[in-house]
């Protein structure tokens, strides 16, 4: 082993994903550089204004849009949502309640219910080792 520790870095796309923001909406200096683990931690702990604004207003990446709407990423695609959405657009969809959104929310609720049922069955069948 060497005496000094090398700095772990990641591509901006990876850092944006970890931060839950849409890469193309980040400042150029973020997109064009690399992000160290320490820088990522600092961004998470004390986010700069641009990051707070992005998290609040968007545009949001698909995983965030899906979570805010209560559907899966696949459900977004089935509903025709393929682009990042702003918070305002997400709120408008929630108010409009299009048929695809209601259908996907129901599907997601069934998936969660089944996952909980399976988890409970696993616990009851001795999965805990008791």
N, C-alpha and C. Protein backbone atom coordinates (compact mmCIF):
# COMPACT_ATOMS: atom_id res chain seq x y z
N UNK A 1 0.84 -1.19 0.00
CA UNK A 1 0.00 0.00 0.00
C UNK A 1 0.87 1.25 0.00
N UNK A 2 0.38 2.27 -0.66
CA UNK A 2 1.12 3.53 -0.69
C UNK A 2 0.79 4.36 0.54
N UNK A 3 1.63 5.32 0.81
CA UNK A 3 1.44 6.17 1.98
C UNK A 3 0.26 7.13 1.80
N UNK A 4 0.04 7.58 0.56
CA UNK A 4 -1.04 8.54 0.33
C UNK A 4 -2.22 7.85 -0.35
N UNK A 5 -3.40 8.38 -0.09
CA UNK A 5 -4.61 7.81 -0.66
C UNK A 5 -4.98 8.61 -1.90
N UNK A 6 -5.27 7.91 -3.00
CA UNK A 6 -5.66 8.63 -4.21
C UNK A 6 -7.10 9.11 -4.07
N UNK A 7 -7.40 10.22 -4.72
CA UNK A 7 -8.71 10.80 -4.64
C UNK A 7 -9.64 10.07 -5.60
N UNK A 8 -10.75 9.60 -5.06
CA UNK A 8 -11.74 8.91 -5.88
C UNK A 8 -12.59 9.97 -6.57
N UNK A 9 -12.71 9.86 -7.89
CA UNK A 9 -13.51 10.81 -8.65
C UNK A 9 -14.57 10.07 -9.45
N UNK A 10 -15.54 10.83 -9.93
CA UNK A 10 -16.60 10.25 -10.76
C UNK A 10 -16.94 11.23 -11.86
N UNK A 11 -17.56 10.68 -12.88
CA UNK A 11 -18.01 11.51 -13.99
C UNK A 11 -19.17 12.39 -13.51
N UNK A 12 -19.36 13.54 -14.15
CA UNK A 12 -20.47 14.41 -13.77
C UNK A 12 -21.83 13.71 -13.85
N UNK A 13 -22.01 12.81 -14.82
CA UNK A 13 -23.29 12.11 -14.95
C UNK A 13 -23.57 11.26 -13.71
N UNK A 14 -22.54 10.61 -13.20
CA UNK A 14 -22.69 9.79 -12.00
C UNK A 14 -23.01 10.67 -10.80
N UNK A 15 -22.31 11.77 -10.68
CA UNK A 15 -22.55 12.68 -9.56
C UNK A 15 -23.96 13.26 -9.64
N UNK A 16 -24.40 13.64 -10.84
CA UNK A 16 -25.75 14.19 -11.00
C UNK A 16 -26.80 13.15 -10.59
N UNK A 17 -26.57 11.91 -10.98
CA UNK A 17 -27.50 10.84 -10.61
C UNK A 17 -27.56 10.69 -9.09
N UNK A 18 -26.41 10.71 -8.43
CA UNK A 18 -26.36 10.59 -6.98
C UNK A 18 -27.02 11.78 -6.29
N UNK A 19 -26.96 12.94 -6.93
CA UNK A 19 -27.56 14.15 -6.37
C UNK A 19 -29.05 14.27 -6.71
N UNK A 20 -29.53 13.42 -7.64
CA UNK A 20 -30.93 13.45 -8.03
C UNK A 20 -31.30 14.63 -8.90
N UNK A 21 -30.36 15.05 -9.75
CA UNK A 21 -30.64 16.18 -10.64
C UNK A 21 -30.36 15.79 -12.09
N UNK A 22 -30.95 16.53 -13.00
CA UNK A 22 -30.79 16.31 -14.44
C UNK A 22 -29.47 16.95 -14.88
N UNK A 23 -28.56 16.15 -15.39
CA UNK A 23 -27.21 16.61 -15.73
C UNK A 23 -27.22 17.85 -16.62
N UNK A 24 -28.05 17.84 -17.67
CA UNK A 24 -28.04 18.95 -18.62
C UNK A 24 -28.47 20.27 -18.00
N UNK A 25 -29.11 20.22 -16.84
CA UNK A 25 -29.55 21.45 -16.18
C UNK A 25 -28.51 21.99 -15.20
N UNK A 26 -27.43 21.25 -14.98
CA UNK A 26 -26.39 21.70 -14.06
C UNK A 26 -25.49 22.74 -14.73
N UNK A 27 -24.77 23.53 -13.94
CA UNK A 27 -23.85 24.52 -14.52
C UNK A 27 -22.76 23.86 -15.35
N UNK A 28 -22.26 24.59 -16.33
CA UNK A 28 -21.23 24.07 -17.24
C UNK A 28 -20.00 23.57 -16.48
N UNK A 29 -19.57 24.30 -15.44
CA UNK A 29 -18.36 23.88 -14.72
C UNK A 29 -18.57 22.52 -14.03
N UNK A 30 -19.81 22.19 -13.67
CA UNK A 30 -20.11 20.88 -13.08
C UNK A 30 -20.07 19.81 -14.17
N UNK A 31 -20.70 20.08 -15.31
CA UNK A 31 -20.78 19.11 -16.41
C UNK A 31 -19.43 18.81 -17.05
N UNK A 32 -18.53 19.78 -17.03
CA UNK A 32 -17.28 19.66 -17.78
C UNK A 32 -16.11 19.13 -16.94
N UNK A 33 -16.30 18.97 -15.66
CA UNK A 33 -15.20 18.52 -14.81
C UNK A 33 -15.41 17.10 -14.32
N UNK A 34 -14.68 16.76 -13.29
CA UNK A 34 -14.91 15.51 -12.56
C UNK A 34 -15.24 15.90 -11.13
N UNK A 35 -15.90 15.00 -10.43
CA UNK A 35 -16.35 15.29 -9.07
C UNK A 35 -15.70 14.28 -8.13
N UNK A 36 -15.00 14.79 -7.14
CA UNK A 36 -14.39 13.90 -6.15
C UNK A 36 -15.44 13.48 -5.14
N UNK A 37 -15.15 12.42 -4.43
CA UNK A 37 -16.06 11.95 -3.37
C UNK A 37 -16.27 13.07 -2.34
N UNK A 38 -15.20 13.77 -1.99
CA UNK A 38 -15.29 14.86 -1.02
C UNK A 38 -16.18 15.99 -1.55
N UNK A 39 -16.05 16.31 -2.84
CA UNK A 39 -16.89 17.36 -3.43
C UNK A 39 -18.36 16.93 -3.44
N UNK A 40 -18.61 15.66 -3.76
CA UNK A 40 -19.98 15.14 -3.75
C UNK A 40 -20.57 15.24 -2.35
N UNK A 41 -19.80 14.83 -1.36
CA UNK A 41 -20.26 14.91 0.03
C UNK A 41 -20.57 16.35 0.41
N UNK A 42 -19.71 17.27 -0.01
CA UNK A 42 -19.93 18.69 0.29
C UNK A 42 -21.20 19.20 -0.39
N UNK A 43 -21.44 18.78 -1.64
CA UNK A 43 -22.65 19.18 -2.35
C UNK A 43 -23.90 18.64 -1.66
N UNK A 44 -23.81 17.43 -1.12
CA UNK A 44 -24.95 16.84 -0.43
C UNK A 44 -25.19 17.50 0.93
N UNK A 45 -24.10 17.80 1.63
CA UNK A 45 -24.20 18.36 2.97
C UNK A 45 -24.63 19.83 2.95
N UNK A 46 -24.00 20.60 2.08
CA UNK A 46 -24.27 22.04 2.00
C UNK A 46 -24.45 22.42 0.53
N UNK A 47 -25.63 22.12 -0.04
CA UNK A 47 -25.82 22.36 -1.48
C UNK A 47 -25.76 23.84 -1.85
N UNK A 48 -25.07 24.15 -2.94
CA UNK A 48 -25.05 25.54 -3.41
C UNK A 48 -26.44 25.92 -3.95
N UNK A 49 -26.64 27.20 -4.19
CA UNK A 49 -27.96 27.68 -4.63
C UNK A 49 -28.44 26.99 -5.90
N UNK A 50 -27.54 26.77 -6.88
CA UNK A 50 -27.98 26.14 -8.13
C UNK A 50 -28.53 24.74 -7.87
N UNK A 51 -27.95 24.01 -6.93
CA UNK A 51 -28.42 22.66 -6.63
C UNK A 51 -29.75 22.71 -5.88
N UNK A 52 -29.88 23.63 -4.96
CA UNK A 52 -31.16 23.78 -4.24
C UNK A 52 -32.28 24.14 -5.22
N UNK A 53 -31.97 25.06 -6.16
CA UNK A 53 -32.96 25.47 -7.16
C UNK A 53 -33.36 24.29 -8.04
N UNK A 54 -32.38 23.52 -8.50
CA UNK A 54 -32.67 22.36 -9.35
C UNK A 54 -33.52 21.33 -8.62
N UNK A 55 -33.19 21.06 -7.39
CA UNK A 55 -33.96 20.09 -6.61
C UNK A 55 -35.38 20.57 -6.37
N UNK A 56 -35.55 21.86 -6.20
CA UNK A 56 -36.88 22.41 -5.93
C UNK A 56 -37.70 22.53 -7.22
N UNK A 57 -37.11 23.09 -8.27
CA UNK A 57 -37.86 23.46 -9.47
C UNK A 57 -37.69 22.52 -10.66
N UNK A 58 -36.59 21.76 -10.69
CA UNK A 58 -36.30 20.90 -11.85
C UNK A 58 -35.59 21.68 -12.93
N UNK A 59 -35.47 21.12 -14.09
CA UNK A 59 -36.07 19.86 -14.53
C UNK A 59 -35.50 18.67 -13.77
N UNK A 60 -36.38 17.70 -13.51
CA UNK A 60 -36.01 16.53 -12.73
C UNK A 60 -35.76 15.33 -13.64
N UNK A 61 -34.78 14.48 -13.29
CA UNK A 61 -34.56 13.25 -14.06
C UNK A 61 -35.71 12.28 -13.85
N UNK A 62 -35.82 11.30 -14.74
CA UNK A 62 -36.95 10.37 -14.71
C UNK A 62 -37.16 9.67 -13.36
N UNK A 63 -36.11 9.21 -12.68
CA UNK A 63 -36.38 8.55 -11.39
C UNK A 63 -37.06 9.48 -10.38
N UNK A 64 -36.70 10.76 -10.40
CA UNK A 64 -37.30 11.73 -9.49
C UNK A 64 -38.74 12.02 -9.92
N UNK A 65 -38.95 12.17 -11.23
CA UNK A 65 -40.31 12.41 -11.74
C UNK A 65 -41.21 11.23 -11.36
N UNK A 66 -40.71 10.01 -11.57
CA UNK A 66 -41.50 8.82 -11.24
C UNK A 66 -41.86 8.79 -9.76
N UNK A 67 -40.88 9.08 -8.91
CA UNK A 67 -41.13 9.07 -7.47
C UNK A 67 -42.15 10.13 -7.07
N UNK A 68 -42.03 11.33 -7.65
CA UNK A 68 -42.96 12.41 -7.31
C UNK A 68 -44.38 12.10 -7.77
N UNK A 69 -44.50 11.33 -8.86
CA UNK A 69 -45.82 10.97 -9.37
C UNK A 69 -46.35 9.67 -8.77
N UNK A 70 -45.48 8.93 -8.10
CA UNK A 70 -45.91 7.66 -7.50
C UNK A 70 -46.06 6.54 -8.50
N UNK A 71 -45.21 6.56 -9.53
CA UNK A 71 -45.25 5.51 -10.56
C UNK A 71 -43.83 5.00 -10.81
N UNK A 72 -43.73 3.95 -11.61
CA UNK A 72 -42.41 3.43 -11.98
C UNK A 72 -41.86 4.21 -13.17
N UNK A 73 -40.58 4.04 -13.42
CA UNK A 73 -39.97 4.67 -14.60
C UNK A 73 -40.59 4.10 -15.86
N UNK A 74 -40.86 2.80 -15.86
CA UNK A 74 -41.54 2.17 -17.00
C UNK A 74 -42.93 2.75 -17.19
N UNK A 75 -43.59 3.04 -16.08
CA UNK A 75 -44.92 3.64 -16.14
C UNK A 75 -44.88 5.02 -16.79
N UNK A 76 -43.83 5.76 -16.51
CA UNK A 76 -43.67 7.07 -17.17
C UNK A 76 -43.59 6.89 -18.68
N UNK A 77 -42.78 5.92 -19.10
CA UNK A 77 -42.61 5.67 -20.54
C UNK A 77 -43.94 5.25 -21.17
N UNK A 78 -44.67 4.36 -20.48
CA UNK A 78 -45.97 3.94 -21.01
C UNK A 78 -46.93 5.12 -21.11
N UNK A 79 -46.76 6.09 -20.22
CA UNK A 79 -47.60 7.29 -20.25
C UNK A 79 -47.12 8.33 -21.23
N UNK A 80 -46.02 8.06 -21.90
CA UNK A 80 -45.51 8.98 -22.90
C UNK A 80 -44.58 10.05 -22.35
N UNK A 81 -44.18 9.93 -21.08
CA UNK A 81 -43.29 10.92 -20.48
C UNK A 81 -41.86 10.41 -20.64
N UNK A 82 -41.13 11.01 -21.56
CA UNK A 82 -39.77 10.57 -21.83
C UNK A 82 -38.74 11.65 -21.56
N UNK A 83 -39.20 12.87 -21.33
CA UNK A 83 -38.31 13.99 -21.09
C UNK A 83 -38.35 14.38 -19.61
N UNK A 84 -37.30 15.05 -19.13
CA UNK A 84 -37.33 15.56 -17.75
C UNK A 84 -38.49 16.55 -17.60
N UNK A 85 -39.07 16.59 -16.42
CA UNK A 85 -40.17 17.52 -16.15
C UNK A 85 -39.79 18.46 -15.01
N UNK A 86 -40.36 19.65 -15.04
CA UNK A 86 -40.17 20.59 -13.94
C UNK A 86 -41.17 20.26 -12.84
N UNK A 87 -40.96 20.82 -11.67
CA UNK A 87 -41.89 20.63 -10.56
C UNK A 87 -43.27 21.14 -10.96
N UNK A 88 -43.33 22.25 -11.66
CA UNK A 88 -44.60 22.82 -12.12
C UNK A 88 -45.34 21.85 -13.04
N UNK A 89 -44.61 21.21 -13.97
CA UNK A 89 -45.23 20.24 -14.88
C UNK A 89 -45.73 19.01 -14.12
N UNK A 90 -44.95 18.58 -13.12
CA UNK A 90 -45.36 17.43 -12.31
C UNK A 90 -46.63 17.75 -11.55
N UNK A 91 -46.68 18.94 -10.95
CA UNK A 91 -47.88 19.35 -10.20
C UNK A 91 -49.09 19.45 -11.13
N UNK A 92 -48.88 19.93 -12.35
CA UNK A 92 -49.99 20.03 -13.32
C UNK A 92 -50.51 18.63 -13.65
N UNK A 93 -49.63 17.67 -13.82
CA UNK A 93 -50.05 16.29 -14.09
C UNK A 93 -50.84 15.73 -12.92
N UNK A 94 -50.39 16.01 -11.71
CA UNK A 94 -51.11 15.53 -10.52
C UNK A 94 -52.52 16.10 -10.47
N UNK A 95 -52.67 17.37 -10.87
CA UNK A 95 -53.98 18.00 -10.86
C UNK A 95 -54.86 17.48 -11.99
N UNK A 96 -54.26 17.28 -13.17
CA UNK A 96 -55.02 16.80 -14.33
C UNK A 96 -55.47 15.36 -14.16
N UNK A 97 -54.65 14.57 -13.47
CA UNK A 97 -54.93 13.16 -13.23
C UNK A 97 -55.31 12.41 -14.51
N UNK A 98 -54.42 12.41 -15.51
CA UNK A 98 -54.75 11.69 -16.75
C UNK A 98 -54.93 10.19 -16.46
N UNK A 99 -55.65 9.54 -17.34
CA UNK A 99 -55.97 8.13 -17.15
C UNK A 99 -54.71 7.28 -16.97
N UNK A 100 -53.68 7.55 -17.78
CA UNK A 100 -52.47 6.73 -17.69
C UNK A 100 -51.83 6.85 -16.31
N UNK A 101 -51.88 8.05 -15.71
CA UNK A 101 -51.27 8.27 -14.41
C UNK A 101 -52.04 7.50 -13.33
N UNK A 102 -53.36 7.55 -13.38
CA UNK A 102 -54.17 6.80 -12.41
C UNK A 102 -53.92 5.30 -12.55
N UNK A 103 -53.85 4.82 -13.79
CA UNK A 103 -53.59 3.40 -14.05
C UNK A 103 -52.22 2.98 -13.53
N UNK A 104 -51.20 3.79 -13.79
CA UNK A 104 -49.84 3.47 -13.34
C UNK A 104 -49.71 3.56 -11.82
N UNK A 105 -50.41 4.50 -11.21
CA UNK A 105 -50.39 4.59 -9.75
C UNK A 105 -51.02 3.34 -9.14
N UNK A 106 -52.11 2.88 -9.73
CA UNK A 106 -52.76 1.66 -9.24
C UNK A 106 -51.83 0.46 -9.41
N UNK A 107 -51.16 0.39 -10.55
CA UNK A 107 -50.20 -0.70 -10.79
C UNK A 107 -49.09 -0.66 -9.76
N UNK A 108 -48.56 0.52 -9.51
CA UNK A 108 -47.48 0.68 -8.53
C UNK A 108 -47.93 0.28 -7.13
N UNK A 109 -49.17 0.63 -6.79
CA UNK A 109 -49.71 0.26 -5.47
C UNK A 109 -49.81 -1.26 -5.36
N UNK A 110 -50.20 -1.92 -6.42
CA UNK A 110 -50.28 -3.40 -6.41
C UNK A 110 -48.89 -4.01 -6.27
N UNK A 111 -47.92 -3.44 -6.96
CA UNK A 111 -46.54 -3.95 -6.87
C UNK A 111 -46.03 -3.82 -5.44
N UNK A 112 -46.28 -2.69 -4.82
CA UNK A 112 -45.85 -2.49 -3.42
C UNK A 112 -46.55 -3.45 -2.47
N UNK A 113 -47.86 -3.64 -2.69
CA UNK A 113 -48.62 -4.55 -1.85
C UNK A 113 -48.08 -5.98 -1.97
N UNK A 114 -47.79 -6.41 -3.19
CA UNK A 114 -47.26 -7.75 -3.41
C UNK A 114 -45.87 -7.90 -2.78
N UNK A 115 -45.04 -6.88 -2.91
CA UNK A 115 -43.70 -6.92 -2.30
C UNK A 115 -43.81 -7.04 -0.79
N UNK A 116 -44.73 -6.30 -0.20
CA UNK A 116 -44.93 -6.37 1.26
C UNK A 116 -45.43 -7.75 1.66
N UNK A 117 -46.34 -8.32 0.86
CA UNK A 117 -46.87 -9.65 1.15
C UNK A 117 -45.75 -10.69 1.12
N UNK A 118 -44.90 -10.61 0.10
CA UNK A 118 -43.79 -11.56 -0.02
C UNK A 118 -42.80 -11.40 1.13
N UNK A 119 -42.54 -10.17 1.52
CA UNK A 119 -41.61 -9.93 2.62
C UNK A 119 -42.17 -10.50 3.92
N UNK A 120 -43.46 -10.31 4.13
CA UNK A 120 -44.10 -10.83 5.33
C UNK A 120 -44.06 -12.36 5.33
N UNK A 121 -44.34 -12.96 4.18
CA UNK A 121 -44.31 -14.42 4.07
C UNK A 121 -42.92 -14.96 4.35
N UNK A 122 -41.90 -14.24 3.86
CA UNK A 122 -40.51 -14.65 4.10
C UNK A 122 -40.18 -14.59 5.58
N UNK A 123 -40.62 -13.54 6.25
CA UNK A 123 -40.38 -13.42 7.70
C UNK A 123 -41.08 -14.54 8.46
N UNK A 124 -42.30 -14.83 8.07
CA UNK A 124 -43.09 -15.85 8.77
C UNK A 124 -42.56 -17.26 8.53
N UNK A 125 -41.89 -17.47 7.41
CA UNK A 125 -41.40 -18.81 7.10
C UNK A 125 -40.03 -19.08 7.71
N UNK A 126 -39.60 -18.22 8.59
CA UNK A 126 -38.34 -18.46 9.29
C UNK A 126 -37.15 -17.83 8.64
N UNK A 127 -37.35 -16.83 7.80
CA UNK A 127 -36.24 -16.15 7.16
C UNK A 127 -35.32 -15.44 8.13
N UNK A 128 -35.81 -15.23 9.37
CA UNK A 128 -34.98 -14.52 10.36
C UNK A 128 -34.07 -15.45 11.11
N UNK A 129 -34.22 -16.77 10.96
CA UNK A 129 -33.33 -17.71 11.60
C UNK A 129 -33.73 -18.08 13.01
N UNK A 130 -34.92 -17.63 13.45
CA UNK A 130 -35.39 -17.95 14.82
C UNK A 130 -35.99 -19.32 14.92
